C-alpha atoms as a PDB file:
ATOM      1  CA  MET A   1       1.523  14.952   6.366  1.00  0.00           C
ATOM      2  CA  PRO A   2       1.212  18.405   5.023  1.00  0.00           C
ATOM      3  CA  ASP A   3       1.261  21.770   6.754  1.00  0.00           C
ATOM      4  CA  PRO A   4      -2.190  22.344   6.697  1.00  0.00           C
ATOM      5  CA  GLY A   5      -1.489  26.022   7.664  1.00  0.00           C
ATOM      6  CA  THR A   6      -1.118  27.618   4.030  1.00  0.00           C
ATOM      7  CA  GLU A   7      -3.778  29.049   2.083  1.00  0.00           C
ATOM      8  CA  GLU A   8      -2.818  26.877  -0.856  1.00  0.00           C
ATOM      9  CA  SER A   9      -3.827  23.833   1.431  1.00  0.00           C
ATOM     10  CA  ARG A  10      -6.616  25.318   2.091  1.00  0.00           C
ATOM     11  CA  SER A  11      -8.080  26.829  -1.331  1.00  0.00           C
ATOM     12  CA  ALA A  12      -7.942  23.153  -3.092  1.00  0.00           C
ATOM     13  CA  ILE A  13     -10.598  21.864  -1.240  1.00  0.00           C
ATOM     14  CA  HIS A  14     -13.888  22.626  -3.211  1.00  0.00           C
ATOM     15  CA  ARG A  15     -17.059  22.784  -1.269  1.00  0.00           C
ATOM     16  CA  ASN A  16     -19.023  20.723  -3.845  1.00  0.00           C
ATOM     17  CA  SER A  17     -16.792  17.811  -2.931  1.00  0.00           C
ATOM     18  CA  LEU A  18     -15.200  18.230   0.356  1.00  0.00           C
ATOM     19  CA  ARG A  19     -15.813  15.141   1.769  1.00  0.00           C
ATOM     20  CA  GLU A  20     -14.782  12.878  -1.143  1.00  0.00           C
ATOM     21  CA  GLN A  21     -11.551  15.172  -1.210  1.00  0.00           C
ATOM     22  CA  ILE A  22     -10.989  14.887   2.518  1.00  0.00           C
ATOM     23  CA  ALA A  23     -11.341  11.004   2.450  1.00  0.00           C
ATOM     24  CA  GLY A  24      -9.135  10.735  -0.532  1.00  0.00           C
ATOM     25  CA  ALA A  25      -6.283  12.703   0.928  1.00  0.00           C
ATOM     26  CA  LEU A  26      -6.864  10.476   4.041  1.00  0.00           C
ATOM     27  CA  ARG A  27      -6.846   7.076   2.307  1.00  0.00           C
ATOM     28  CA  GLU A  28      -3.816   7.960   0.553  1.00  0.00           C
ATOM     29  CA  GLU A  29      -1.762   8.731   3.573  1.00  0.00           C
ATOM     30  CA  MET A  30      -2.859   5.495   5.108  1.00  0.00           C
ATOM     31  CA  MET A  31      -1.427   3.732   1.546  1.00  0.00           C
ATOM     32  CA  ALA A  32       1.611   5.052   1.909  1.00  0.00           C
ATOM     33  CA  GLY A  33       2.152   4.570   5.332  1.00  0.00           C
ATOM     34  CA  ARG A  34       2.517   8.208   6.390  1.00  0.00           C
ATOM     35  CA  LEU A  35      -0.790   7.341   8.422  1.00  0.00           C
ATOM     36  CA  ALA A  36       0.467   4.229  10.298  1.00  0.00           C
ATOM     37  CA  ALA A  37      -1.662   1.888  11.960  1.00  0.00           C
ATOM     38  CA  GLY A  38      -2.621   2.336  15.675  1.00  0.00           C
ATOM     39  CA  ARG A  39      -2.804   6.436  14.629  1.00  0.00           C
ATOM     40  CA  ASN A  40      -5.687   7.949  16.120  1.00  0.00           C
ATOM     41  CA  PHE A  41      -7.625  11.431  15.747  1.00  0.00           C
ATOM     42  CA  THR A  42     -10.528  12.973  16.376  1.00  0.00           C
ATOM     43  CA  VAL A  43     -13.407  14.632  13.537  1.00  0.00           C
ATOM     44  CA  ARG A  44     -12.068  18.247  15.478  1.00  0.00           C
ATOM     45  CA  GLU A  45      -8.669  17.267  14.633  1.00  0.00           C
ATOM     46  CA  ILE A  46      -9.193  16.049  11.240  1.00  0.00           C
ATOM     47  CA  ALA A  47     -11.318  19.724  10.322  1.00  0.00           C
ATOM     48  CA  GLU A  48      -8.864  21.866  11.751  1.00  0.00           C
ATOM     49  CA  LEU A  49      -6.203  20.215   9.898  1.00  0.00           C
ATOM     50  CA  TYR A  50      -7.842  20.946   6.183  1.00  0.00           C
ATOM     51  CA  GLY A  51      -9.489  23.822   7.317  1.00  0.00           C
ATOM     52  CA  VAL A  52     -13.004  22.569   6.719  1.00  0.00           C
ATOM     53  CA  SER A  53     -15.859  22.434   9.219  1.00  0.00           C
ATOM     54  CA  ALA A  54     -16.649  19.519  11.438  1.00  0.00           C
ATOM     55  CA  THR A  55     -19.773  17.983   9.405  1.00  0.00           C
ATOM     56  CA  PRO A  56     -17.566  16.940   5.652  1.00  0.00           C
ATOM     57  CA  ALA A  57     -14.417  15.676   7.917  1.00  0.00           C
ATOM     58  CA  ARG A  58     -17.264  13.314   9.886  1.00  0.00           C
ATOM     59  CA  GLU A  59     -18.397  12.306   6.654  1.00  0.00           C
ATOM     60  CA  ALA A  60     -15.124  11.754   5.142  1.00  0.00           C
ATOM     61  CA  LEU A  61     -14.025   9.734   8.369  1.00  0.00           C
ATOM     62  CA  VAL A  62     -16.935   8.029   8.853  1.00  0.00           C
ATOM     63  CA  ASP A  63     -17.390   6.784   4.270  1.00  0.00           C
ATOM     64  CA  LEU A  64     -13.733   5.328   5.273  1.00  0.00           C
ATOM     65  CA  ALA A  65     -14.909   3.644   8.463  1.00  0.00           C
ATOM     66  CA  ALA A  66     -17.858   2.270   6.426  1.00  0.00           C
ATOM     67  CA  GLN A  67     -14.809   1.067   4.290  1.00  0.00           C
ATOM     68  CA  GLY A  68     -12.943  -0.908   6.524  1.00  0.00           C
ATOM     69  CA  LEU A  69      -9.713   1.620   5.973  1.00  0.00           C
ATOM     70  CA  LEU A  70     -10.827   3.200   9.936  1.00  0.00           C
ATOM     71  CA  ARG A  71     -12.016   1.828  13.292  1.00  0.00           C
ATOM     72  CA  THR A  72     -14.097   3.755  15.438  1.00  0.00           C
ATOM     73  CA  GLU A  73     -13.438   3.890  18.651  1.00  0.00           C
ATOM     74  CA  HIS A  74     -15.500   4.595  21.254  1.00  0.00           C
ATOM     75  CA  HIS A  75     -15.458   8.165  22.410  1.00  0.00           C
ATOM     76  CA  ARG A  76     -11.848   8.494  21.286  1.00  0.00           C
ATOM     77  CA  GLY A  77     -12.383   8.793  17.710  1.00  0.00           C
ATOM     78  CA  PHE A  78     -11.085   6.853  14.803  1.00  0.00           C
ATOM     79  CA  THR A  79      -7.863   4.735  14.464  1.00  0.00           C
ATOM     80  CA  VAL A  80      -6.250   3.718  11.640  1.00  0.00           C
ATOM     81  CA  PRO A  81      -6.259  -0.255  11.348  1.00  0.00           C
ATOM     82  CA  GLU A  82      -3.558  -2.828  11.421  1.00  0.00           C
ATOM     83  CA  PHE A  83      -3.304  -5.259   8.970  1.00  0.00           C
ATOM     84  CA  GLY A  84      -1.570  -8.679   9.374  1.00  0.00           C
ATOM     85  CA  TRP A  85      -0.370 -11.415   7.320  1.00  0.00           C
ATOM     86  CA  ASP A  86      -3.893 -13.508   7.538  1.00  0.00           C
ATOM     87  CA  ASP A  87      -5.640 -10.383   6.197  1.00  0.00           C
ATOM     88  CA  PHE A  88      -3.058  -9.705   3.373  1.00  0.00           C
ATOM     89  CA  VAL A  89      -3.519 -13.433   2.444  1.00  0.00           C
ATOM     90  CA  GLU A  90      -7.096 -13.251   2.127  1.00  0.00           C
ATOM     91  CA  ILE A  91      -7.123  -9.777   0.548  1.00  0.00           C
ATOM     92  CA  PHE A  92      -4.631 -11.279  -1.861  1.00  0.00           C
ATOM     93  CA  GLU A  93      -6.379 -14.403  -2.868  1.00  0.00           C
ATOM     94  CA  THR A  94      -9.723 -12.713  -3.652  1.00  0.00           C
ATOM     95  CA  ARG A  95      -7.784 -10.125  -5.650  1.00  0.00           C
ATOM     96  CA  THR A  96      -6.115 -12.938  -7.645  1.00  0.00           C
ATOM     97  CA  LEU A  97      -9.261 -15.454  -8.195  1.00  0.00           C
ATOM     98  CA  LEU A  98     -11.052 -11.530  -9.275  1.00  0.00           C
ATOM     99  CA  THR A  99      -8.593 -11.006 -11.744  1.00  0.00           C
ATOM    100  CA  ASP A 100      -7.919 -14.807 -13.066  1.00  0.00           C
ATOM    101  CA  SER A 101     -11.340 -14.863 -13.575  1.00  0.00           C
ATOM    102  CA  ALA A 102     -11.485 -11.039 -15.368  1.00  0.00           C
ATOM    103  CA  PHE A 103      -8.919 -12.194 -17.671  1.00  0.00           C
ATOM    104  CA  ARG A 104     -10.641 -15.580 -18.282  1.00  0.00           C
ATOM    105  CA  ARG A 105     -14.355 -13.441 -19.565  1.00  0.00           C
ATOM    106  CA  LEU A 106     -12.293 -10.624 -21.333  1.00  0.00           C
ATOM    107  CA  ALA A 107     -10.333 -13.689 -23.611  1.00  0.00           C
ATOM    108  CA  GLY A 108     -13.638 -14.341 -24.744  1.00  0.00           C
ATOM    109  CA  ARG A 109     -14.847 -11.403 -25.993  1.00  0.00           C
ATOM    110  CA  ALA A 110     -14.038 -10.113 -29.758  1.00  0.00           C
ATOM    111  CA  THR A 111     -12.547  -6.744 -28.403  1.00  0.00           C
ATOM    112  CA  LEU A 112     -11.371  -5.204 -25.987  1.00  0.00           C
ATOM    113  CA  PRO A 113     -13.917  -2.762 -24.115  1.00  0.00           C
ATOM    114  CA  ASP A 114     -13.215   1.143 -24.077  1.00  0.00           C
ATOM    115  CA  ALA A 115      -9.844   1.229 -26.303  1.00  0.00           C
ATOM    116  CA  ALA A 116      -9.804   4.896 -26.747  1.00  0.00           C
ATOM    117  CA  ARG A 117      -8.457   4.767 -22.690  1.00  0.00           C
ATOM    118  CA  LEU A 118      -5.507   3.147 -24.618  1.00  0.00           C
ATOM    119  CA  PRO A 119      -3.513   6.956 -24.760  1.00  0.00           C
ATOM    120  CA  GLN A 120      -4.092   7.999 -20.903  1.00  0.00           C
ATOM    121  CA  LEU A 121      -3.288   4.088 -19.896  1.00  0.00           C
ATOM    122  CA  ARG A 122       0.605   4.552 -21.871  1.00  0.00           C
ATOM    123  CA  ARG A 123       0.996   8.326 -20.387  1.00  0.00           C
ATOM    124  CA  ARG A 124       0.086   6.545 -17.213  1.00  0.00           C
ATOM    125  CA  ALA A 125       2.523   3.566 -17.802  1.00  0.00           C
ATOM    126  CA  ASP A 126       5.184   6.140 -18.225  1.00  0.00           C
ATOM    127  CA  ALA A 127       4.945   7.741 -14.924  1.00  0.00           C
ATOM    128  CA  ALA A 128       4.194   4.434 -13.091  1.00  0.00           C
ATOM    129  CA  ALA A 129       7.282   3.014 -13.825  1.00  0.00           C
ATOM    130  CA  ARG A 130       9.277   5.984 -13.696  1.00  0.00           C
ATOM    131  CA  ALA A 131       8.340   6.014  -9.987  1.00  0.00           C
ATOM    132  CA  ALA A 132       9.248   2.655  -9.710  1.00  0.00           C
ATOM    133  CA  ARG A 133      12.755   2.657 -11.009  1.00  0.00           C
ATOM    134  CA  ALA A 134      13.477   5.787  -8.885  1.00  0.00           C
ATOM    135  CA  GLY A 135      12.359   3.944  -5.805  1.00  0.00           C
ATOM    136  CA  GLN A 136      10.374   6.793  -4.171  1.00  0.00           C
ATOM    137  CA  LEU A 137       7.655   5.293  -1.981  1.00  0.00           C
ATOM    138  CA  ASP A 138       5.152   8.573  -1.955  1.00  0.00           C
ATOM    139  CA  VAL A 139       5.289   9.274  -5.663  1.00  0.00           C
ATOM    140  CA  MET A 140       4.764   5.329  -6.024  1.00  0.00           C
ATOM    141  CA  VAL A 141       1.793   4.952  -4.258  1.00  0.00           C
ATOM    142  CA  GLY A 142       0.309   7.912  -6.288  1.00  0.00           C
ATOM    143  CA  CYS A 143       1.132   6.886 -10.166  1.00  0.00           C
ATOM    144  CA  ASP A 144       0.653   3.173  -9.533  1.00  0.00           C
ATOM    145  CA  ARG A 145      -3.014   4.102  -7.864  1.00  0.00           C
ATOM    146  CA  ARG A 146      -3.559   6.018 -11.349  1.00  0.00           C
ATOM    147  CA  PHE A 147      -2.047   3.589 -13.459  1.00  0.00           C
ATOM    148  CA  TRP A 148      -4.325   0.551 -12.095  1.00  0.00           C
ATOM    149  CA  GLN A 149      -6.905   3.356 -12.487  1.00  0.00           C
ATOM    150  CA  GLU A 150      -7.141   3.084 -15.988  1.00  0.00           C
ATOM    151  CA  ALA A 151      -6.683  -0.679 -16.363  1.00  0.00           C
ATOM    152  CA  GLY A 152      -9.350  -1.636 -14.140  1.00  0.00           C
ATOM    153  CA  ALA A 153     -11.867   0.669 -16.207  1.00  0.00           C
ATOM    154  CA  LEU A 154     -10.502  -2.081 -19.231  1.00  0.00           C
ATOM    155  CA  LEU A 155     -12.147  -4.923 -17.701  1.00  0.00           C
ATOM    156  CA  GLY A 156     -16.015  -3.641 -18.677  1.00  0.00           C
ATOM    157  CA  ASN A 157     -17.211  -4.525 -15.418  1.00  0.00           C
ATOM    158  CA  ARG A 158     -17.430  -1.364 -12.984  1.00  0.00           C
ATOM    159  CA  ARG A 159     -18.339  -3.357  -9.636  1.00  0.00           C
ATOM    160  CA  ILE A 160     -15.044  -5.693 -10.070  1.00  0.00           C
ATOM    161  CA  ALA A 161     -12.850  -3.132 -10.931  1.00  0.00           C
ATOM    162  CA  ASP A 162     -14.177  -0.976  -7.856  1.00  0.00           C
ATOM    163  CA  TYR A 163     -13.839  -3.999  -5.376  1.00  0.00           C
ATOM    164  CA  LEU A 164     -10.175  -4.764  -6.932  1.00  0.00           C
ATOM    165  CA  ASP A 165      -9.704  -0.696  -5.972  1.00  0.00           C
ATOM    166  CA  TRP A 166     -10.876  -1.176  -2.651  1.00  0.00           C
ATOM    167  CA  LEU A 167      -8.871  -4.532  -1.958  1.00  0.00           C
ATOM    168  CA  ARG A 168      -5.600  -3.339  -3.331  1.00  0.00           C
ATOM    169  CA  VAL A 169      -6.255   0.026  -0.873  1.00  0.00           C
ATOM    170  CA  GLN A 170      -5.647  -2.379   2.061  1.00  0.00           C
ATOM    171  CA  SER A 171      -2.822  -4.363   0.367  1.00  0.00           C
ATOM    172  CA  TRP A 172      -1.174  -0.823  -0.179  1.00  0.00           C
ATOM    173  CA  MET A 173      -2.046  -0.065   4.132  1.00  0.00           C
ATOM    174  CA  PHE A 174      -0.374  -4.014   4.965  1.00  0.00           C
ATOM    175  CA  ALA A 175       2.671  -3.451   2.008  1.00  0.00           C
ATOM    176  CA  ALA A 176       3.812   0.203   3.146  1.00  0.00           C
ATOM    177  CA  PRO A 177       5.273  -0.495   6.650  1.00  0.00           C
ATOM    178  CA  TYR A 178       7.524  -2.777   5.392  1.00  0.00           C
ATOM    179  CA  LEU A 179       8.457  -1.235   2.392  1.00  0.00           C
ATOM    180  CA  ARG A 180       9.595   1.942   3.907  1.00  0.00           C
ATOM    181  CA  ALA A 181      11.545  -0.035   6.385  1.00  0.00           C
ATOM    182  CA  THR A 182      13.540  -0.921   3.462  1.00  0.00           C
ATOM    183  CA  PRO A 183      16.867   0.943   2.928  1.00  0.00           C
ATOM    184  CA  ASP A 184      16.682   1.591  -0.976  1.00  0.00           C
ATOM    185  CA  LEU A 185      14.020   0.396  -3.176  1.00  0.00           C
ATOM    186  CA  ALA A 186      15.591   2.197  -6.172  1.00  0.00           C
ATOM    187  CA  GLY A 187      15.750  -0.935  -9.128  1.00  0.00           C
ATOM    188  CA  ARG A 188      13.919  -3.313  -6.963  1.00  0.00           C
ATOM    189  CA  CYS A 189      10.366  -2.120  -7.599  1.00  0.00           C
ATOM    190  CA  TRP A 190       8.311  -3.782 -10.726  1.00  0.00           C
ATOM    191  CA  ASP A 191       8.483  -1.074 -13.499  1.00  0.00           C
ATOM    192  CA  GLY A 192       6.835  -3.698 -16.444  1.00  0.00           C
ATOM    193  CA  HIS A 193       3.718  -0.818 -16.845  1.00  0.00           C
ATOM    194  CA  HIS A 194       4.346  -0.759 -20.716  1.00  0.00           C
ATOM    195  CA  ALA A 195       4.282  -4.521 -20.610  1.00  0.00           C
ATOM    196  CA  PHE A 196       0.882  -4.567 -19.757  1.00  0.00           C
ATOM    197  CA  VAL A 197      -0.178  -1.520 -22.257  1.00  0.00           C
ATOM    198  CA  ASP A 198       1.865  -3.495 -25.591  1.00  0.00           C
ATOM    199  CA  ALA A 199      -0.081  -6.379 -24.590  1.00  0.00           C
ATOM    200  CA  VAL A 200      -3.695  -4.399 -24.090  1.00  0.00           C
ATOM    201  CA  GLU A 201      -3.007  -2.681 -27.376  1.00  0.00           C
ATOM    202  CA  GLU A 202      -2.641  -5.788 -28.999  1.00  0.00           C
ATOM    203  CA  ALA A 203      -5.532  -7.298 -27.245  1.00  0.00           C
ATOM    204  CA  ASP A 204      -3.528 -10.126 -26.622  1.00  0.00           C
ATOM    205  CA  VAL A 205      -5.152 -11.061 -23.198  1.00  0.00           C
ATOM    206  CA  ALA A 206      -2.875 -13.915 -22.483  1.00  0.00           C
ATOM    207  CA  ALA A 207       0.201 -11.704 -22.744  1.00  0.00           C
ATOM    208  CA  ALA A 208      -1.969  -9.239 -20.213  1.00  0.00           C
ATOM    209  CA  ARG A 209      -2.472 -12.375 -17.901  1.00  0.00           C
ATOM    210  CA  ARG A 210       1.194 -13.187 -17.644  1.00  0.00           C
ATOM    211  CA  VAL A 211       2.479  -9.754 -16.705  1.00  0.00           C
ATOM    212  CA  VAL A 212      -0.241  -9.259 -14.226  1.00  0.00           C
ATOM    213  CA  GLY A 213       0.301 -12.826 -12.675  1.00  0.00           C
ATOM    214  CA  GLU A 214       4.245 -12.012 -12.770  1.00  0.00           C
ATOM    215  CA  TYR A 215       3.215  -9.074 -10.736  1.00  0.00           C
ATOM    216  CA  ASN A 216       1.030 -10.543  -8.229  1.00  0.00           C
ATOM    217  CA  LEU A 217       3.582 -13.793  -8.309  1.00  0.00           C
ATOM    218  CA  ILE A 218       6.587 -11.267  -6.686  1.00  0.00           C
ATOM    219  CA  THR A 219       4.618  -9.224  -4.837  1.00  0.00           C
ATOM    220  CA  VAL A 220       3.126 -11.984  -2.367  1.00  0.00           C
ATOM    221  CA  ARG A 221       6.899 -13.455  -2.165  1.00  0.00           C
ATOM    222  CA  LEU A 222       8.174 -10.436  -1.413  1.00  0.00           C
ATOM    223  CA  MET A 223       5.785  -9.831   1.166  1.00  0.00           C
ATOM    224  CA  ALA A 224       6.300 -13.216   2.562  1.00  0.00           C
ATOM    225  CA  GLU A 225      10.360 -12.709   2.379  1.00  0.00           C
ATOM    226  CA  LEU A 226       9.913  -9.049   4.005  1.00  0.00           C
ATOM    227  CA  THR A 227       7.387 -10.771   6.969  1.00  0.00           C
ATOM    228  CA  GLY A 228       8.881 -14.267   7.464  1.00  0.00           C
ATOM    229  CA  HIS A 229       6.120 -15.908   6.334  1.00  0.00           C
ATOM    230  CA  ASP A 230       5.999 -19.105   4.013  1.00  0.00           C
ATOM    231  CA  PRO A 231       4.293 -18.076   0.150  1.00  0.00           C
ATOM    232  CA  GLU A 232       3.632 -21.500  -0.699  1.00  0.00           C
ATOM    233  CA  SER A 233       0.785 -21.950   1.696  1.00  0.00           C
ATOM    234  CA  LEU A 234      -1.354 -19.389  -0.104  1.00  0.00           C
ATOM    235  CA  VAL A 235      -3.929 -21.634  -2.230  1.00  0.00           C
ATOM    236  CA  VAL A 236      -4.026 -19.737  -5.447  1.00  0.00           C
ATOM    237  CA  LEU A 237      -0.067 -19.808  -5.834  1.00  0.00           C
ATOM    238  CA  PRO A 238      -0.058 -22.292  -8.586  1.00  0.00           C
ATOM    239  CA  LEU A 239      -2.941 -20.302 -10.274  1.00  0.00           C
ATOM    240  CA  LEU A 240      -0.251 -17.281 -10.359  1.00  0.00           C
ATOM    241  CA  VAL A 241       2.393 -20.140 -11.390  1.00  0.00           C
ATOM    242  CA  GLU A 242       0.482 -21.310 -13.853  1.00  0.00           C
ATOM    243  CA  ALA A 243       0.291 -17.634 -15.561  1.00  0.00           C
ATOM    244  CA  VAL A 244       3.668 -17.036 -15.646  1.00  0.00           C
ATOM    245  CA  ALA A 245       5.521 -21.021 -16.132  1.00  0.00           C
ATOM    246  CA  PRO A 246       7.811 -20.721 -18.598  1.00  0.00           C
ATOM    247  CA  GLN A 247       7.363 -22.929 -22.211  1.00  0.00           C
ATOM    248  CA  GLN A 248       8.580 -26.661 -21.849  1.00  0.00           C
ATOM    249  CA  PRO A 249      11.755 -27.445 -23.530  1.00  0.00           C
ATOM    250  CA  GLY A 250      11.575 -27.504 -27.469  1.00  0.00           C
ATOM    251  CA  ALA A 251       7.985 -25.958 -27.177  1.00  0.00           C
ATOM    252  CA  ALA A 252       8.492 -22.683 -30.184  1.00  0.00           C
ATOM    253  CA  PRO A 253       8.460 -19.531 -28.491  1.00  0.00           C
ATOM    254  CA  ALA A 254       6.004 -17.486 -27.303  1.00  0.00           C
ATOM    255  CA  ALA A 255       5.684 -14.794 -29.744  1.00  0.00           C
ATOM    256  CA  ARG A 256       4.707 -10.946 -27.909  1.00  0.00           C
ATOM    257  CA  PRO A 257       2.416  -8.737 -29.370  1.00  0.00           C
ATOM    258  CA  ALA A 258       4.284  -6.502 -32.519  1.00  0.00           C
ATOM    259  CA  THR A 259       5.312  -3.080 -31.517  1.00  0.00           C
ATOM    260  CA  ARG A 260       3.679  -0.158 -32.814  1.00  0.00           C
ATOM    261  CA  SER A 261       6.603   0.836 -35.224  1.00  0.00           C
ATOM    262  CA  GLY A 262       6.130  -2.485 -37.297  1.00  0.00           C
ATOM    263  CA  GLY A 263       9.302  -3.960 -35.233  1.00  0.00           C
ATOM    264  CA  ARG A 264       9.400  -7.821 -34.657  1.00  0.00           C
ATOM    265  CA  PRO A 265       7.171  -9.662 -32.064  1.00  0.00           C
ATOM    266  CA  GLY A 266       8.882  -8.190 -28.543  1.00  0.00           C
ATOM    267  CA  GLU A 267      10.929  -5.863 -30.033  1.00  0.00           C
ATOM    268  CA  ALA A 268      11.714  -3.146 -27.443  1.00  0.00           C
ATOM    269  CA  ALA A 269      12.735  -0.191 -30.248  1.00  0.00           C
ATOM    270  CA  GLY A 270      10.134   2.113 -30.723  1.00  0.00           C
ATOM    271  CA  ARG A 271       8.243   1.793 -27.585  1.00  0.00           C
ATOM    272  CA  PRO A 272       7.915   4.718 -25.451  1.00  0.00           C
ATOM    273  CA  GLY A 273       9.742   3.948 -21.708  1.00  0.00           C
ATOM    274  CA  ALA A 274      11.932   1.648 -23.127  1.00  0.00           C
ATOM    275  CA  ARG A 275      15.017   0.694 -21.802  1.00  0.00           C
ATOM    276  CA  SER A 276      18.402   0.823 -23.607  1.00  0.00           C
ATOM    277  CA  GLY A 277      19.807  -2.788 -23.442  1.00  0.00           C
ATOM    278  CA  ASP A 278      16.288  -4.634 -23.600  1.00  0.00           C
ATOM    279  CA  GLN A 279      15.939  -7.475 -26.026  1.00  0.00           C
ATOM    280  CA  ALA A 280      13.337  -9.351 -27.336  1.00  0.00           C
ATOM    281  CA  ALA A 281      10.752 -11.350 -25.292  1.00  0.00           C
ATOM    282  CA  PRO A 282      10.334 -13.440 -23.241  1.00  0.00           C
ATOM    283  CA  ARG A 283      12.792 -11.014 -21.386  1.00  0.00           C
ATOM    284  CA  GLN A 284      16.597 -12.273 -20.832  1.00  0.00           C
ATOM    285  CA  ALA A 285      18.396 -12.666 -18.270  1.00  0.00           C
ATOM    286  CA  GLY A 286      21.458 -10.697 -17.483  1.00  0.00           C
ATOM    287  CA  PRO A 287      22.718  -7.476 -15.522  1.00  0.00           C
ATOM    288  CA  SER A 288      19.624  -5.436 -17.283  1.00  0.00           C
ATOM    289  CA  ALA A 289      17.310  -4.277 -14.981  1.00  0.00           C
ATOM    290  CA  GLY A 290      14.028  -5.436 -14.797  1.00  0.00           C
ATOM    291  CA  ALA A 291      15.124  -9.049 -16.248  1.00  0.00           C
ATOM    292  CA  ARG A 292      12.989 -11.505 -14.488  1.00  0.00           C
ATOM    293  CA  PRO A 293      14.627 -14.900 -15.736  1.00  0.00           C
ATOM    294  CA  ALA A 294      13.720 -18.415 -14.023  1.00  0.00           C
ATOM    295  CA  VAL A 295      16.266 -19.449 -11.504  1.00  0.00           C
ATOM    296  CA  PRO A 296      16.916 -23.447 -12.093  1.00  0.00           C
ATOM    297  CA  GLY A 297      16.787 -25.700  -9.616  1.00  0.00           C
ATOM    298  CA  THR A 298      15.431 -23.369  -7.129  1.00  0.00           C
ATOM    299  CA  GLY A 299      11.595 -23.553  -7.330  1.00  0.00           C
ATOM    300  CA  ARG A 300      12.002 -19.834  -7.911  1.00  0.00           C
ATOM    301  CA  LEU A 301      10.695 -18.200 -10.923  1.00  0.00           C
ATOM    302  CA  PHE A 302      12.378 -15.113 -10.392  1.00  0.00           C
ATOM    303  CA  ASP A 303      15.126 -13.218  -8.818  1.00  0.00           C
ATOM    304  CA  LEU A 304      13.305 -11.517  -5.922  1.00  0.00           C
ATOM    305  CA  SER A 305      17.042 -10.091  -4.717  1.00  0.00           C
ATOM    306  CA  ARG A 306      16.777  -7.658  -7.879  1.00  0.00           C
ATOM    307  CA  ASP A 307      13.397  -7.280  -8.935  1.00  0.00           C
ATOM    308  CA  VAL A 308      10.110  -6.547  -6.586  1.00  0.00           C
ATOM    309  CA  GLY A 309       6.800  -5.225  -7.480  1.00  0.00           C
ATOM    310  CA  LEU A 310       3.330  -4.387  -5.805  1.00  0.00           C
ATOM    311  CA  GLY A 311       0.507  -5.508  -7.566  1.00  0.00           C
ATOM    312  CA  LEU A 312      -1.418  -3.039  -6.370  1.00  0.00           C
ATOM    313  CA  VAL A 313      -4.433  -0.838  -8.018  1.00  0.00           C
ATOM    314  CA  PRO A 314      -5.578   2.579  -7.111  1.00  0.00           C
ATOM    315  CA  GLN A 315      -9.012   3.709  -5.599  1.00  0.00           C
ATOM    316  CA  PRO A 316     -11.782   4.875  -7.736  1.00  0.00           C
ATOM    317  CA  ARG A 317     -10.883   8.830  -7.360  1.00  0.00           C
ATOM    318  CA  SER A 318      -8.099   9.794  -8.495  1.00  0.00           C
ATOM    319  CA  ILE A 319      -6.807  12.106  -5.571  1.00  0.00           C
ATOM    320  CA  PRO A 320      -3.116  13.976  -6.948  1.00  0.00           C
ATOM    321  CA  PHE A 321      -0.011  12.851  -4.359  1.00  0.00           C
ATOM    322  CA  SER A 322       0.491  14.579  -1.289  1.00  0.00           C
ATOM    323  CA  ARG A 323      -2.631  16.811   0.345  1.00  0.00           C
ATOM    324  CA  PHE A 324      -4.625  18.019  -2.111  1.00  0.00           C
ATOM    325  CA  GLY A 325      -2.233  19.498  -5.477  1.00  0.00           C
ATOM    326  CA  PRO A 326      -4.347  21.228  -7.880  1.00  0.00           C
ATOM    327  CA  ALA A 327      -7.993  21.911  -8.120  1.00  0.00           C
ATOM    328  CA  LEU A 328      -9.724  18.878  -8.754  1.00  0.00           C
ATOM    329  CA  PRO A 329     -12.867  18.281 -11.513  1.00  0.00           C
ATOM    330  CA  PRO A 330     -16.423  17.870  -9.565  1.00  0.00           C
ATOM    331  CA  SER A 331     -16.938  13.943  -8.337  1.00  0.00           C
ATOM    332  CA  GLU A 332     -19.870  11.936  -9.586  1.00  0.00           C
ATOM    333  CA  PRO A 333     -22.437  11.777  -7.233  1.00  0.00           C
ATOM    334  CA  ASP A 334     -21.910   9.015  -4.633  1.00  0.00           C
ATOM    335  CA  SER A 335     -24.647   6.564  -5.202  1.00  0.00           C
ATOM    336  CA  ARG A 336     -23.872   4.669  -1.889  1.00  0.00           C
ATOM    337  CA  ARG A 337     -24.223   8.470   0.062  1.00  0.00           C
ATOM    338  CA  THR A 338     -27.092   7.902   2.435  1.00  0.00           C
ATOM    339  CA  PRO A 339     -29.900  10.430   1.553  1.00  0.00           C
ATOM    340  CA  GLY A 340     -29.586  13.116   4.024  1.00  0.00           C
ATOM    341  CA  ARG A 341     -26.538  12.542   5.588  1.00  0.00           C
END
């Protein structure tokens, strides 16, 4: 965690949202694995660390405990919980069912909600894809978090988006220790953020569902590989396979949404962030990074030795990477806050 003694770290805290900022900073530390499972701390320690009084520090810790992100220890303060494989399976299955249901709901709508968010979503995709290709876990957490926050807003259902945020925070808390133990993540992480934005811009719900299905399928198989568990036992695995299943032999190739420059469907040229060597969709097998071909005869859809990904979405409030970063805009009132607390 950053040095709490600097004036910059103290000045970044605004009195009108101390509780939210402290809770957000601690949440991101846990998501990135910098606050590992089993780490114990007291209200006084957190108050001194962030240079605040005990009241906002206590409120932040109590809020995180109420969300299941901290465990209260009698006379010992608070402890970061450990999420095991069984927890991850429950989280992942719930998240997959909610996401699939949301896509089916969007498929029945004439237009996608809040198209004005698309430019911001594209910028978030640029940052998230760069971080994923670089394999810098600490940066990846923040960029991925902000990208999926923007994407979640397109669902048109705030409660589903907020619940997905909460589930994916826990997913990161489970996954981060295993990813930190991986020697080099560069070039291994899923970087298909632009494909998702392309599908959203064209209002192609089926294509967006395929991208997210691929994202999630690679995630669960990666985590099963790192933890030594069998992904085939997941109830939702057939749902993910259905979402990304290749076309039957002889079927007409699926057309990707046309690019904004008017190119052929699936053409990479003119797409922000496209890498040289990209070909028409679907992505072709080959040496280029990011290719996710089917592996004939193996029953596996993708080559996990080249591409892994974490379909993880950010928590609702945007806290910059590291402690606090630059000054934050005032947060909206928290409707869940207990009156008088």
